[in-house]
Amino acid sequence: MTLYDFIGIVGVGFVLLAYGLLQAEKIDSKGWRFSALNATGAVLIMVSLYFSFNLASFVIECAWLAISLFGLLKAWRGQT
């Protein structure tokens, strides 16, 4: 496993952690933590994709990042 594979796996862990915490009702989907975990995960996965590119994965991660940034913006503006 390369360093960039490891970074991507950590990113997957962040996304899964966000979803798991949401399902366990430990975080709110409208709060900044959920969006921050997802955005961080997407960025880390995109780092790994830079070195081992897959178009479909890159497209979904770009969308995931954009949606997460929108959620962060709403949370920081107090629109949750």
PDB file of N, CA and C in Angstrom:
ATOM      1  N   MET A   1       0.851  -1.173   0.000  1.00  0.00           N
ATOM      2  CA  MET A   1       0.000   0.000   0.000  1.00  0.00           C
ATOM      3  C   MET A   1       0.900   1.240   0.000  1.00  0.00           C
ATOM      4  N   THR A   2       0.591   2.155  -0.895  1.00  0.00           N
ATOM      5  CA  THR A   2       1.367   3.390  -0.957  1.00  0.00           C
ATOM      6  C   THR A   2       0.820   4.403   0.045  1.00  0.00           C
ATOM      7  N   LEU A   3       1.581   5.455   0.251  1.00  0.00           N
ATOM      8  CA  LEU A   3       1.138   6.533   1.135  1.00  0.00           C
ATOM      9  C   LEU A   3      -0.175   7.129   0.635  1.00  0.00           C
ATOM     10  N   TYR A   4      -0.308   7.273  -0.679  1.00  0.00           N
ATOM     11  CA  TYR A   4      -1.506   7.888  -1.234  1.00  0.00           C
ATOM     12  C   TYR A   4      -2.713   6.970  -1.140  1.00  0.00           C
ATOM     13  N   ASP A   5      -2.490   5.669  -1.210  1.00  0.00           N
ATOM     14  CA  ASP A   5      -3.574   4.724  -0.940  1.00  0.00           C
ATOM     15  C   ASP A   5      -4.039   4.868   0.508  1.00  0.00           C
ATOM     16  N   PHE A   6      -3.079   4.971   1.419  1.00  0.00           N
ATOM     17  CA  PHE A   6      -3.403   5.133   2.836  1.00  0.00           C
ATOM     18  C   PHE A   6      -4.204   6.417   3.070  1.00  0.00           C
ATOM     19  N   ILE A   7      -3.794   7.506   2.431  1.00  0.00           N
ATOM     20  CA  ILE A   7      -4.516   8.779   2.552  1.00  0.00           C
ATOM     21  C   ILE A   7      -5.952   8.614   2.062  1.00  0.00           C
ATOM     22  N   GLY A   8      -6.134   7.920   0.948  1.00  0.00           N
ATOM     23  CA  GLY A   8      -7.481   7.671   0.432  1.00  0.00           C
ATOM     24  C   GLY A   8      -8.317   6.832   1.377  1.00  0.00           C
ATOM     25  N   ILE A   9      -7.701   5.821   1.988  1.00  0.00           N
ATOM     26  CA  ILE A   9      -8.425   4.972   2.951  1.00  0.00           C
ATOM     27  C   ILE A   9      -8.838   5.783   4.174  1.00  0.00           C
ATOM     28  N   VAL A  10      -7.969   6.669   4.631  1.00  0.00           N
ATOM     29  CA  VAL A  10      -8.329   7.548   5.749  1.00  0.00           C
ATOM     30  C   VAL A  10      -9.520   8.419   5.345  1.00  0.00           C
ATOM     31  N   GLY A  11      -9.519   8.909   4.109  1.00  0.00           N
ATOM     32  CA  GLY A  11     -10.643   9.697   3.611  1.00  0.00           C
ATOM     33  C   GLY A  11     -11.934   8.908   3.621  1.00  0.00           C
ATOM     34  N   VAL A  12     -11.875   7.667   3.176  1.00  0.00           N
ATOM     35  CA  VAL A  12     -13.048   6.797   3.221  1.00  0.00           C
ATOM     36  C   VAL A  12     -13.516   6.639   4.670  1.00  0.00           C
ATOM     37  N   GLY A  13     -12.565   6.503   5.579  1.00  0.00           N
ATOM     38  CA  GLY A  13     -12.909   6.396   6.998  1.00  0.00           C
ATOM     39  C   GLY A  13     -13.662   7.613   7.507  1.00  0.00           C
ATOM     40  N   PHE A  14     -13.247   8.803   7.066  1.00  0.00           N
ATOM     41  CA  PHE A  14     -13.937  10.028   7.473  1.00  0.00           C
ATOM     42  C   PHE A  14     -15.382  10.034   6.973  1.00  0.00           C
ATOM     43  N   VAL A  15     -15.569   9.662   5.716  1.00  0.00           N
ATOM     44  CA  VAL A  15     -16.929   9.652   5.143  1.00  0.00           C
ATOM     45  C   VAL A  15     -17.799   8.625   5.868  1.00  0.00           C
ATOM     46  N   LEU A  16     -17.256   7.445   6.099  1.00  0.00           N
ATOM     47  CA  LEU A  16     -18.018   6.411   6.807  1.00  0.00           C
ATOM     48  C   LEU A  16     -18.280   6.790   8.254  1.00  0.00           C
ATOM     49  N   LEU A  17     -17.316   7.432   8.898  1.00  0.00           N
ATOM     50  CA  LEU A  17     -17.508   7.897  10.266  1.00  0.00           C
ATOM     51  C   LEU A  17     -18.646   8.912  10.332  1.00  0.00           C
ATOM     52  N   ALA A  18     -18.670   9.842   9.385  1.00  0.00           N
ATOM     53  CA  ALA A  18     -19.733  10.848   9.352  1.00  0.00           C
ATOM     54  C   ALA A  18     -21.099  10.179   9.237  1.00  0.00           C
ATOM     55  N   TYR A  19     -21.206   9.228   8.328  1.00  0.00           N
ATOM     56  CA  TYR A  19     -22.485   8.556   8.130  1.00  0.00           C
ATOM     57  C   TYR A  19     -22.853   7.699   9.337  1.00  0.00           C
ATOM     58  N   GLY A  20     -21.878   7.007   9.899  1.00  0.00           N
ATOM     59  CA  GLY A  20     -22.139   6.197  11.090  1.00  0.00           C
ATOM     60  C   GLY A  20     -22.588   7.028  12.275  1.00  0.00           C
ATOM     61  N   LEU A  21     -21.910   8.154  12.503  1.00  0.00           N
ATOM     62  CA  LEU A  21     -22.306   9.040  13.605  1.00  0.00           C
ATOM     63  C   LEU A  21     -23.693   9.625  13.373  1.00  0.00           C
ATOM     64  N   LEU A  22     -24.020   9.906  12.127  1.00  0.00           N
ATOM     65  CA  LEU A  22     -25.352  10.419  11.804  1.00  0.00           C
ATOM     66  C   LEU A  22     -26.412   9.365  12.117  1.00  0.00           C
ATOM     67  N   GLN A  23     -26.177   8.138  11.702  1.00  0.00           N
ATOM     68  CA  GLN A  23     -27.139   7.065  11.951  1.00  0.00           C
ATOM     69  C   GLN A  23     -27.275   6.751  13.437  1.00  0.00           C
ATOM     70  N   ALA A  24     -26.190   6.926  14.186  1.00  0.00           N
ATOM     71  CA  ALA A  24     -26.211   6.697  15.634  1.00  0.00           C
ATOM     72  C   ALA A  24     -26.762   7.908  16.384  1.00  0.00           C
ATOM     73  N   GLU A  25     -27.136   8.940  15.637  1.00  0.00           N
ATOM     74  CA  GLU A  25     -27.680  10.185  16.188  1.00  0.00           C
ATOM     75  C   GLU A  25     -26.707  10.874  17.139  1.00  0.00           C
ATOM     76  N   LYS A  26     -25.418  10.786  16.806  1.00  0.00           N
ATOM     77  CA  LYS A  26     -24.382  11.452  17.588  1.00  0.00           C
ATOM     78  C   LYS A  26     -24.042  12.820  17.018  1.00  0.00           C
ATOM     79  N   ILE A  27     -24.365  13.042  15.744  1.00  0.00           N
ATOM     80  CA  ILE A  27     -24.188  14.355  15.121  1.00  0.00           C
ATOM     81  C   ILE A  27     -25.438  14.683  14.316  1.00  0.00           C
ATOM     82  N   ASP A  28     -25.606  15.956  14.032  1.00  0.00           N
ATOM     83  CA  ASP A  28     -26.750  16.451  13.280  1.00  0.00           C
ATOM     84  C   ASP A  28     -26.339  16.659  11.824  1.00  0.00           C
ATOM     85  N   SER A  29     -27.177  16.224  10.907  1.00  0.00           N
ATOM     86  CA  SER A  29     -26.852  16.379   9.490  1.00  0.00           C
ATOM     87  C   SER A  29     -26.777  17.836   9.064  1.00  0.00           C
ATOM     88  N   LYS A  30     -27.368  18.729   9.831  1.00  0.00           N
ATOM     89  CA  LYS A  30     -27.335  20.152   9.502  1.00  0.00           C
ATOM     90  C   LYS A  30     -26.205  20.889  10.211  1.00  0.00           C
ATOM     91  N   GLY A  31     -25.486  20.196  11.069  1.00  0.00           N
ATOM     92  CA  GLY A  31     -24.378  20.815  11.793  1.00  0.00           C
ATOM     93  C   GLY A  31     -23.098  20.806  10.976  1.00  0.00           C
ATOM     94  N   TRP A  32     -22.148  21.608  11.405  1.00  0.00           N
ATOM     95  CA  TRP A  32     -20.898  21.756  10.670  1.00  0.00           C
ATOM     96  C   TRP A  32     -20.032  20.502  10.735  1.00  0.00           C
ATOM     97  N   ARG A  33     -20.141  19.718  11.799  1.00  0.00           N
ATOM     98  CA  ARG A  33     -19.284  18.534  11.955  1.00  0.00           C
ATOM     99  C   ARG A  33     -19.526  17.497  10.854  1.00  0.00           C
ATOM    100  N   PHE A  34     -20.788  17.258  10.535  1.00  0.00           N
ATOM    101  CA  PHE A  34     -21.124  16.287   9.504  1.00  0.00           C
ATOM    102  C   PHE A  34     -20.538  16.709   8.158  1.00  0.00           C
ATOM    103  N   SER A  35     -20.751  17.954   7.794  1.00  0.00           N
ATOM    104  CA  SER A  35     -20.232  18.461   6.524  1.00  0.00           C
ATOM    105  C   SER A  35     -18.707  18.513   6.514  1.00  0.00           C
ATOM    106  N   ALA A  36     -18.105  18.861   7.648  1.00  0.00           N
ATOM    107  CA  ALA A  36     -16.640  18.926   7.727  1.00  0.00           C
ATOM    108  C   ALA A  36     -16.014  17.544   7.567  1.00  0.00           C
ATOM    109  N   LEU A  37     -16.598  16.528   8.194  1.00  0.00           N
ATOM    110  CA  LEU A  37     -16.087  15.167   8.043  1.00  0.00           C
ATOM    111  C   LEU A  37     -16.191  14.712   6.588  1.00  0.00           C
ATOM    112  N   ASN A  38     -17.330  14.990   5.962  1.00  0.00           N
ATOM    113  CA  ASN A  38     -17.515  14.601   4.565  1.00  0.00           C
ATOM    114  C   ASN A  38     -16.572  15.353   3.628  1.00  0.00           C
ATOM    115  N   ALA A  39     -16.398  16.650   3.850  1.00  0.00           N
ATOM    116  CA  ALA A  39     -15.501  17.438   3.003  1.00  0.00           C
ATOM    117  C   ALA A  39     -14.060  16.957   3.151  1.00  0.00           C
ATOM    118  N   THR A  40     -13.645  16.706   4.374  1.00  0.00           N
ATOM    119  CA  THR A  40     -12.286  16.214   4.615  1.00  0.00           C
ATOM    120  C   THR A  40     -12.082  14.859   3.944  1.00  0.00           C
ATOM    121  N   GLY A  41     -13.058  13.989   4.095  1.00  0.00           N
ATOM    122  CA  GLY A  41     -12.973  12.684   3.453  1.00  0.00           C
ATOM    123  C   GLY A  41     -12.861  12.797   1.946  1.00  0.00           C
ATOM    124  N   ALA A  42     -13.671  13.663   1.355  1.00  0.00           N
ATOM    125  CA  ALA A  42     -13.642  13.846  -0.101  1.00  0.00           C
ATOM    126  C   ALA A  42     -12.282  14.356  -0.567  1.00  0.00           C
ATOM    127  N   VAL A  43     -11.734  15.323   0.155  1.00  0.00           N
ATOM    128  CA  VAL A  43     -10.419  15.866  -0.229  1.00  0.00           C
ATOM    129  C   VAL A  43      -9.343  14.786  -0.139  1.00  0.00           C
ATOM    130  N   LEU A  44      -9.350  14.009   0.922  1.00  0.00           N
ATOM    131  CA  LEU A  44      -8.342  12.954   1.075  1.00  0.00           C
ATOM    132  C   LEU A  44      -8.477  11.896  -0.017  1.00  0.00           C
ATOM    133  N   ILE A  45      -9.698  11.536  -0.367  1.00  0.00           N
ATOM    134  CA  ILE A  45      -9.907  10.584  -1.453  1.00  0.00           C
ATOM    135  C   ILE A  45      -9.418  11.180  -2.769  1.00  0.00           C
ATOM    136  N   MET A  46      -9.662  12.472  -2.983  1.00  0.00           N
ATOM    137  CA  MET A  46      -9.209  13.123  -4.206  1.00  0.00           C
ATOM    138  C   MET A  46      -7.680  13.166  -4.289  1.00  0.00           C
ATOM    139  N   VAL A  47      -7.016  13.284  -3.153  1.00  0.00           N
ATOM    140  CA  VAL A  47      -5.545  13.224  -3.142  1.00  0.00           C
ATOM    141  C   VAL A  47      -5.091  11.868  -3.677  1.00  0.00           C
ATOM    142  N   SER A  48      -5.710  10.803  -3.197  1.00  0.00           N
ATOM    143  CA  SER A  48      -5.313   9.476  -3.670  1.00  0.00           C
ATOM    144  C   SER A  48      -5.655   9.299  -5.151  1.00  0.00           C
ATOM    145  N   LEU A  49      -6.744   9.912  -5.611  1.00  0.00           N
ATOM    146  CA  LEU A  49      -7.128   9.808  -7.015  1.00  0.00           C
ATOM    147  C   LEU A  49      -6.165  10.549  -7.931  1.00  0.00           C
ATOM    148  N   TYR A  50      -5.482  11.533  -7.402  1.00  0.00           N
ATOM    149  CA  TYR A  50      -4.489  12.247  -8.196  1.00  0.00           C
ATOM    150  C   TYR A  50      -3.396  11.289  -8.681  1.00  0.00           C
ATOM    151  N   PHE A  51      -3.076  10.318  -7.844  1.00  0.00           N
ATOM    152  CA  PHE A  51      -1.994   9.386  -8.158  1.00  0.00           C
ATOM    153  C   PHE A  51      -2.488   8.098  -8.815  1.00  0.00           C
ATOM    154  N   SER A  52      -3.754   7.812  -8.652  1.00  0.00           N
ATOM    155  CA  SER A  52      -4.347   6.631  -9.291  1.00  0.00           C
ATOM    156  C   SER A  52      -5.742   7.043  -9.746  1.00  0.00           C
ATOM    157  N   PHE A  53      -5.800   7.721 -10.892  1.00  0.00           N
ATOM    158  CA  PHE A  53      -7.019   8.391 -11.328  1.00  0.00           C
ATOM    159  C   PHE A  53      -8.106   7.419 -11.776  1.00  0.00           C
ATOM    160  N   ASN A  54      -9.329   7.759 -11.394  1.00  0.00           N
ATOM    161  CA  ASN A  54     -10.532   7.063 -11.828  1.00  0.00           C
ATOM    162  C   ASN A  54     -11.588   8.137 -12.020  1.00  0.00           C
ATOM    163  N   LEU A  55     -12.049   8.342 -13.250  1.00  0.00           N
ATOM    164  CA  LEU A  55     -12.947   9.449 -13.557  1.00  0.00           C
ATOM    165  C   LEU A  55     -14.240   9.402 -12.751  1.00  0.00           C
ATOM    166  N   ALA A  56     -14.871   8.253 -12.674  1.00  0.00           N
ATOM    167  CA  ALA A  56     -16.137   8.151 -11.944  1.00  0.00           C
ATOM    168  C   ALA A  56     -15.955   8.517 -10.468  1.00  0.00           C
ATOM    169  N   SER A  57     -14.904   8.026  -9.863  1.00  0.00           N
ATOM    170  CA  SER A  57     -14.640   8.341  -8.458  1.00  0.00           C
ATOM    171  C   SER A  57     -14.330   9.820  -8.281  1.00  0.00           C
ATOM    172  N   PHE A  58     -13.595  10.389  -9.213  1.00  0.00           N
ATOM    173  CA  PHE A  58     -13.261  11.811  -9.142  1.00  0.00           C
ATOM    174  C   PHE A  58     -14.517  12.675  -9.241  1.00  0.00           C
ATOM    175  N   VAL A  59     -15.419  12.319 -10.136  1.00  0.00           N
ATOM    176  CA  VAL A  59     -16.665  13.082 -10.304  1.00  0.00           C
ATOM    177  C   VAL A  59     -17.499  13.042  -9.036  1.00  0.00           C
ATOM    178  N   ILE A  60     -17.666  11.863  -8.441  1.00  0.00           N
ATOM    179  CA  ILE A  60     -18.485  11.762  -7.225  1.00  0.00           C
ATOM    180  C   ILE A  60     -17.831  12.504  -6.066  1.00  0.00           C
ATOM    181  N   GLU A  61     -16.510  12.482  -5.977  1.00  0.00           N
ATOM    182  CA  GLU A  61     -15.832  13.183  -4.888  1.00  0.00           C
ATOM    183  C   GLU A  61     -15.928  14.698  -5.062  1.00  0.00           C
ATOM    184  N   CYS A  62     -15.874  15.173  -6.303  1.00  0.00           N
ATOM    185  CA  CYS A  62     -16.070  16.609  -6.555  1.00  0.00           C
ATOM    186  C   CYS A  62     -17.474  17.036  -6.115  1.00  0.00           C
ATOM    187  N   ALA A  63     -18.469  16.224  -6.451  1.00  0.00           N
ATOM    188  CA  ALA A  63     -19.843  16.522  -6.039  1.00  0.00           C
ATOM    189  C   ALA A  63     -19.971  16.469  -4.518  1.00  0.00           C
ATOM    190  N   TRP A  64     -19.369  15.450  -3.909  1.00  0.00           N
ATOM    191  CA  TRP A  64     -19.424  15.289  -2.447  1.00  0.00           C
ATOM    192  C   TRP A  64     -18.784  16.496  -1.754  1.00  0.00           C
ATOM    193  N   LEU A  65     -17.671  16.955  -2.288  1.00  0.00           N
ATOM    194  CA  LEU A  65     -16.993  18.113  -1.716  1.00  0.00           C
ATOM    195  C   LEU A  65     -17.845  19.376  -1.872  1.00  0.00           C
ATOM    196  N   ALA A  66     -18.413  19.585  -3.052  1.00  0.00           N
ATOM    197  CA  ALA A  66     -19.240  20.778  -3.291  1.00  0.00           C
ATOM    198  C   ALA A  66     -20.453  20.798  -2.364  1.00  0.00           C
ATOM    199  N   ILE A  67     -21.116  19.669  -2.226  1.00  0.00           N
ATOM    200  CA  ILE A  67     -22.287  19.592  -1.342  1.00  0.00           C
ATOM    201  C   ILE A  67     -21.875  19.826   0.103  1.00  0.00           C
ATOM    202  N   SER A  68     -20.754  19.261   0.513  1.00  0.00           N
ATOM    203  CA  SER A  68     -20.276  19.436   1.893  1.00  0.00           C
ATOM    204  C   SER A  68     -19.893  20.885   2.164  1.00  0.00           C
ATOM    205  N   LEU A  69     -19.261  21.542   1.193  1.00  0.00           N
ATOM    206  CA  LEU A  69     -18.912  22.953   1.372  1.00  0.00           C
ATOM    207  C   LEU A  69     -20.164  23.820   1.469  1.00  0.00           C
ATOM    208  N   PHE A  70     -21.181  23.488   0.697  1.00  0.00           N
ATOM    209  CA  PHE A  70     -22.457  24.193   0.804  1.00  0.00           C
ATOM    210  C   PHE A  70     -23.051  24.011   2.205  1.00  0.00           C
ATOM    211  N   GLY A  71     -23.000  22.789   2.713  1.00  0.00           N
ATOM    212  CA  GLY A  71     -23.492  22.519   4.070  1.00  0.00           C
ATOM    213  C   GLY A  71     -22.698  23.284   5.130  1.00  0.00           C
ATOM    214  N   LEU A  72     -21.391  23.358   4.961  1.00  0.00           N
ATOM    215  CA  LEU A  72     -20.560  24.118   5.908  1.00  0.00           C
ATOM    216  C   LEU A  72     -20.919  25.599   5.867  1.00  0.00           C
ATOM    217  N   LEU A  73     -21.102  26.119   4.672  1.00  0.00           N
ATOM    218  CA  LEU A  73     -21.470  27.523   4.534  1.00  0.00           C
ATOM    219  C   LEU A  73     -22.787  27.817   5.223  1.00  0.00           C
ATOM    220  N   LYS A  74     -23.770  26.947   5.017  1.00  0.00           N
ATOM    221  CA  LYS A  74     -25.057  27.130   5.686  1.00  0.00           C
ATOM    222  C   LYS A  74     -24.924  27.045   7.204  1.00  0.00           C
ATOM    223  N   ALA A  75     -24.138  26.101   7.686  1.00  0.00           N
ATOM    224  CA  ALA A  75     -23.968  25.937   9.125  1.00  0.00           C
ATOM    225  C   ALA A  75     -23.285  27.162   9.731  1.00  0.00           C
ATOM    226  N   TRP A  76     -22.257  27.666   9.052  1.00  0.00           N
ATOM    227  CA  TRP A  76     -21.523  28.818   9.588  1.00  0.00           C
ATOM    228  C   TRP A  76     -22.331  30.096   9.511  1.00  0.00           C
ATOM    229  N   ARG A  77     -23.285  30.153   8.602  1.00  0.00           N
ATOM    230  CA  ARG A  77     -24.169  31.324   8.526  1.00  0.00           C
ATOM    231  C   ARG A  77     -25.341  31.209   9.485  1.00  0.00           C
ATOM    232  N   GLY A  78     -25.456  30.050  10.138  1.00  0.00           N
ATOM    233  CA  GLY A  78     -26.527  29.848  11.093  1.00  0.00           C
ATOM    234  C   GLY A  78     -27.860  29.540  10.449  1.00  0.00           C
ATOM    235  N   GLN A  79     -27.836  28.981   9.240  1.00  0.00           N
ATOM    236  CA  GLN A  79     -29.067  28.670   8.520  1.00  0.00           C
ATOM    237  C   GLN A  79     -29.468  27.214   8.666  1.00  0.00           C
ATOM    238  N   THR A  80     -29.041  26.571   9.699  1.00  0.00           N
ATOM    239  CA  THR A  80     -29.372  25.151   9.850  1.00  0.00           C
ATOM    240  C   THR A  80     -30.675  24.962  10.533  1.00  0.00           C
TER     241      THR A  80
END
